[in-house]
N, C-alpha and C. Protein backbone atom coordinates (compact mmCIF):
# COMPACT_ATOMS: atom_id res chain seq x y z
N MET A 1 -1.59 -0.85 -20.91
CA MET A 1 -0.23 -1.15 -20.51
C MET A 1 -0.15 -2.60 -20.05
N ALA A 2 0.83 -3.33 -20.55
CA ALA A 2 0.99 -4.75 -20.23
C ALA A 2 1.56 -4.93 -18.82
N ASP A 3 1.29 -6.10 -18.26
CA ASP A 3 1.86 -6.43 -16.95
C ASP A 3 3.37 -6.58 -17.06
N LEU A 4 4.05 -6.16 -16.01
CA LEU A 4 5.50 -6.28 -15.95
C LEU A 4 5.84 -7.72 -15.58
N LYS A 5 6.61 -8.42 -16.42
CA LYS A 5 6.91 -9.83 -16.19
C LYS A 5 8.41 -10.11 -16.05
N ASN A 6 9.23 -9.20 -16.49
CA ASN A 6 10.68 -9.40 -16.44
C ASN A 6 11.15 -9.26 -14.98
N PRO A 7 11.72 -10.33 -14.40
CA PRO A 7 12.15 -10.27 -12.99
C PRO A 7 13.14 -9.14 -12.69
N LYS A 8 14.04 -8.86 -13.62
CA LYS A 8 15.02 -7.79 -13.38
C LYS A 8 14.33 -6.43 -13.32
N LEU A 9 13.35 -6.22 -14.19
CA LEU A 9 12.61 -4.96 -14.17
C LEU A 9 11.73 -4.84 -12.93
N ILE A 10 11.19 -5.97 -12.47
CA ILE A 10 10.39 -5.95 -11.24
C ILE A 10 11.27 -5.56 -10.05
N TRP A 11 12.47 -6.15 -9.99
CA TRP A 11 13.40 -5.78 -8.91
C TRP A 11 13.79 -4.30 -9.01
N LEU A 12 14.06 -3.84 -10.24
CA LEU A 12 14.41 -2.44 -10.44
C LEU A 12 13.28 -1.53 -9.96
N LYS A 13 12.07 -1.88 -10.31
CA LYS A 13 10.91 -1.09 -9.89
C LYS A 13 10.82 -1.03 -8.36
N GLY A 14 11.04 -2.15 -7.70
CA GLY A 14 11.01 -2.18 -6.24
C GLY A 14 12.07 -1.26 -5.63
N TRP A 15 13.29 -1.35 -6.15
CA TRP A 15 14.37 -0.51 -5.63
C TRP A 15 14.12 0.97 -5.92
N LEU A 16 13.51 1.26 -7.08
CA LEU A 16 13.17 2.65 -7.40
C LEU A 16 12.11 3.20 -6.44
N PHE A 17 11.13 2.36 -6.07
CA PHE A 17 10.15 2.78 -5.07
C PHE A 17 10.82 3.08 -3.74
N LEU A 18 11.77 2.22 -3.34
CA LEU A 18 12.49 2.46 -2.08
C LEU A 18 13.27 3.77 -2.16
N ALA A 19 13.98 3.99 -3.27
CA ALA A 19 14.76 5.22 -3.42
C ALA A 19 13.86 6.45 -3.41
N ALA A 20 12.72 6.38 -4.11
CA ALA A 20 11.79 7.51 -4.14
C ALA A 20 11.24 7.79 -2.74
N GLY A 21 10.91 6.73 -2.00
CA GLY A 21 10.41 6.91 -0.63
C GLY A 21 11.46 7.53 0.28
N LEU A 22 12.70 7.08 0.15
CA LEU A 22 13.77 7.64 0.97
C LEU A 22 14.02 9.10 0.63
N LEU A 23 14.02 9.42 -0.67
CA LEU A 23 14.24 10.81 -1.09
C LEU A 23 13.08 11.71 -0.63
N ALA A 24 11.86 11.23 -0.75
CA ALA A 24 10.70 12.02 -0.30
C ALA A 24 10.76 12.23 1.21
N SER A 25 11.12 11.20 1.95
CA SER A 25 11.23 11.33 3.41
C SER A 25 12.33 12.31 3.78
N ALA A 26 13.47 12.20 3.11
CA ALA A 26 14.57 13.12 3.38
C ALA A 26 14.15 14.56 3.05
N GLY A 27 13.41 14.73 1.96
CA GLY A 27 12.93 16.06 1.60
C GLY A 27 11.98 16.63 2.65
N LEU A 28 11.07 15.81 3.14
CA LEU A 28 10.16 16.27 4.19
C LEU A 28 10.91 16.64 5.46
N LEU A 29 11.85 15.78 5.85
CA LEU A 29 12.60 16.05 7.08
C LEU A 29 13.52 17.25 6.93
N SER A 30 14.03 17.49 5.72
CA SER A 30 14.89 18.66 5.54
C SER A 30 14.08 19.96 5.60
N GLU A 31 12.80 19.90 5.25
CA GLU A 31 11.94 21.09 5.32
C GLU A 31 11.60 21.46 6.76
N ALA A 32 11.35 20.46 7.59
CA ALA A 32 10.90 20.75 8.96
C ALA A 32 11.38 19.63 9.88
N PHE A 33 12.70 19.59 10.13
CA PHE A 33 13.20 18.50 10.96
C PHE A 33 12.90 18.72 12.43
N SER A 34 12.35 17.70 13.01
CA SER A 34 12.25 17.55 14.46
C SER A 34 12.05 16.06 14.69
N TRP A 35 12.35 15.61 15.89
CA TRP A 35 12.16 14.19 16.19
C TRP A 35 10.69 13.82 16.13
N ARG A 36 9.82 14.76 16.45
CA ARG A 36 8.39 14.51 16.39
C ARG A 36 7.94 14.28 14.94
N VAL A 37 8.41 15.13 14.01
CA VAL A 37 8.09 14.97 12.59
C VAL A 37 8.64 13.65 12.08
N ALA A 38 9.86 13.30 12.46
CA ALA A 38 10.47 12.04 12.03
C ALA A 38 9.66 10.84 12.54
N LEU A 39 9.24 10.89 13.78
CA LEU A 39 8.45 9.80 14.35
C LEU A 39 7.09 9.69 13.67
N LEU A 40 6.42 10.83 13.47
CA LEU A 40 5.12 10.80 12.80
C LEU A 40 5.23 10.29 11.37
N LEU A 41 6.29 10.66 10.67
CA LEU A 41 6.51 10.17 9.31
C LEU A 41 6.72 8.66 9.33
N ALA A 42 7.53 8.18 10.26
CA ALA A 42 7.77 6.73 10.36
C ALA A 42 6.49 5.98 10.68
N VAL A 43 5.68 6.50 11.60
CA VAL A 43 4.42 5.85 11.95
C VAL A 43 3.47 5.85 10.75
N ALA A 44 3.39 6.95 10.02
CA ALA A 44 2.52 7.03 8.84
C ALA A 44 2.94 6.00 7.79
N VAL A 45 4.23 5.91 7.51
CA VAL A 45 4.72 4.94 6.52
C VAL A 45 4.41 3.53 6.98
N TRP A 46 4.66 3.23 8.24
CA TRP A 46 4.40 1.89 8.78
C TRP A 46 2.91 1.55 8.68
N CYS A 47 2.04 2.49 9.02
CA CYS A 47 0.60 2.24 8.96
C CYS A 47 0.12 2.02 7.53
N PHE A 48 0.63 2.79 6.58
CA PHE A 48 0.25 2.57 5.19
C PHE A 48 0.74 1.21 4.69
N CYS A 49 1.91 0.80 5.11
CA CYS A 49 2.41 -0.54 4.73
C CYS A 49 1.52 -1.63 5.31
N ARG A 50 1.12 -1.48 6.56
CA ARG A 50 0.23 -2.47 7.18
C ARG A 50 -1.13 -2.48 6.50
N PHE A 51 -1.66 -1.34 6.08
CA PHE A 51 -2.93 -1.31 5.37
C PHE A 51 -2.81 -2.02 4.03
N TYR A 52 -1.72 -1.81 3.34
CA TYR A 52 -1.49 -2.47 2.06
C TYR A 52 -1.45 -3.98 2.25
N TYR A 53 -0.77 -4.43 3.29
CA TYR A 53 -0.72 -5.85 3.63
C TYR A 53 -2.12 -6.37 3.93
N PHE A 54 -2.91 -5.62 4.69
CA PHE A 54 -4.28 -5.99 5.01
C PHE A 54 -5.12 -6.10 3.73
N ALA A 55 -5.01 -5.10 2.87
CA ALA A 55 -5.84 -5.04 1.66
C ALA A 55 -5.57 -6.21 0.73
N PHE A 56 -4.34 -6.65 0.65
CA PHE A 56 -4.02 -7.69 -0.33
C PHE A 56 -3.80 -9.06 0.27
N TYR A 57 -3.14 -9.16 1.39
CA TYR A 57 -2.84 -10.48 1.94
C TYR A 57 -3.92 -10.98 2.89
N VAL A 58 -4.28 -10.17 3.86
CA VAL A 58 -5.23 -10.61 4.88
C VAL A 58 -6.60 -10.90 4.27
N ILE A 59 -7.12 -9.99 3.46
CA ILE A 59 -8.43 -10.21 2.86
C ILE A 59 -8.41 -11.46 2.00
N GLU A 60 -7.40 -11.60 1.16
CA GLU A 60 -7.35 -12.74 0.24
C GLU A 60 -7.14 -14.07 0.96
N HIS A 61 -6.33 -14.09 2.01
CA HIS A 61 -5.99 -15.36 2.66
C HIS A 61 -6.88 -15.71 3.86
N TYR A 62 -7.53 -14.73 4.47
CA TYR A 62 -8.28 -15.02 5.69
C TYR A 62 -9.77 -14.73 5.60
N THR A 63 -10.19 -13.74 4.82
CA THR A 63 -11.61 -13.41 4.82
C THR A 63 -12.34 -13.79 3.55
N ASP A 64 -11.67 -13.73 2.39
CA ASP A 64 -12.32 -14.05 1.13
C ASP A 64 -11.31 -14.64 0.16
N PRO A 65 -10.97 -15.93 0.33
CA PRO A 65 -9.94 -16.55 -0.50
C PRO A 65 -10.25 -16.56 -1.99
N GLY A 66 -11.50 -16.42 -2.38
CA GLY A 66 -11.85 -16.47 -3.78
C GLY A 66 -11.65 -15.17 -4.51
N TYR A 67 -11.37 -14.09 -3.80
CA TYR A 67 -11.24 -12.79 -4.45
C TYR A 67 -9.78 -12.42 -4.64
N LYS A 68 -9.42 -12.02 -5.85
CA LYS A 68 -8.05 -11.59 -6.16
C LYS A 68 -8.09 -10.11 -6.52
N PHE A 69 -7.20 -9.34 -5.94
CA PHE A 69 -7.17 -7.90 -6.16
C PHE A 69 -6.12 -7.55 -7.20
N ALA A 70 -6.43 -6.56 -8.02
CA ALA A 70 -5.49 -6.10 -9.03
C ALA A 70 -4.83 -4.79 -8.63
N GLY A 71 -5.34 -4.14 -7.61
CA GLY A 71 -4.79 -2.86 -7.18
C GLY A 71 -5.64 -2.27 -6.08
N LEU A 72 -5.18 -1.15 -5.55
CA LEU A 72 -5.91 -0.51 -4.45
C LEU A 72 -7.30 -0.05 -4.87
N TRP A 73 -7.45 0.41 -6.10
CA TRP A 73 -8.77 0.84 -6.56
C TRP A 73 -9.75 -0.34 -6.56
N ASP A 74 -9.28 -1.52 -6.97
CA ASP A 74 -10.13 -2.71 -6.91
C ASP A 74 -10.50 -3.04 -5.47
N PHE A 75 -9.57 -2.85 -4.56
CA PHE A 75 -9.87 -3.11 -3.15
C PHE A 75 -10.94 -2.15 -2.64
N VAL A 76 -10.84 -0.87 -3.01
CA VAL A 76 -11.84 0.11 -2.59
C VAL A 76 -13.21 -0.28 -3.11
N LYS A 77 -13.29 -0.64 -4.40
CA LYS A 77 -14.58 -1.05 -4.97
C LYS A 77 -15.11 -2.29 -4.26
N TYR A 78 -14.23 -3.25 -3.97
CA TYR A 78 -14.62 -4.47 -3.28
C TYR A 78 -15.13 -4.14 -1.87
N ALA A 79 -14.41 -3.31 -1.15
CA ALA A 79 -14.79 -2.96 0.22
C ALA A 79 -16.12 -2.22 0.26
N LEU A 80 -16.33 -1.29 -0.65
CA LEU A 80 -17.58 -0.55 -0.68
C LEU A 80 -18.75 -1.45 -1.09
N GLY A 81 -18.53 -2.32 -2.05
CA GLY A 81 -19.57 -3.25 -2.47
C GLY A 81 -19.91 -4.25 -1.40
N ARG A 82 -18.93 -4.69 -0.67
CA ARG A 82 -19.13 -5.67 0.42
C ARG A 82 -19.93 -5.02 1.53
N ARG A 83 -19.64 -3.76 1.84
CA ARG A 83 -20.36 -3.05 2.90
C ARG A 83 -21.83 -2.92 2.52
N ARG A 84 -22.10 -2.58 1.26
CA ARG A 84 -23.49 -2.42 0.81
C ARG A 84 -24.23 -3.74 0.89
N ARG A 85 -23.60 -4.83 0.51
CA ARG A 85 -24.26 -6.13 0.57
C ARG A 85 -24.56 -6.54 2.00
N SER A 86 -23.62 -6.26 2.92
CA SER A 86 -23.83 -6.66 4.32
C SER A 86 -24.91 -5.80 4.97
N GLU A 87 -25.08 -4.54 4.53
CA GLU A 87 -26.11 -3.69 5.09
C GLU A 87 -27.49 -4.10 4.60
N GLU A 88 -27.57 -4.70 3.40
CA GLU A 88 -28.85 -5.12 2.85
C GLU A 88 -29.42 -6.35 3.55
N THR A 89 -28.58 -7.17 4.12
CA THR A 89 -29.05 -8.41 4.77
C THR A 89 -29.49 -8.17 6.19
């Protein structure tokens, strides 16, 4: 599958992700609404967003500027490989 390069399609993809996330959240809250569930869902979403930021921005800009990630799977392979190298030294 080729990389998405059309700016309009990239924007559409972003908005579709937002819509899917909102619909999934609404579905979860409609199944078992409570303020506790809503708060836990919000914290989980926020933490996953911060991890994504860490995996792609923080690592690339602050710890290893030479490494470029293509996706979360690449980050997992990088993180596991880095741990093994640091344990060997």
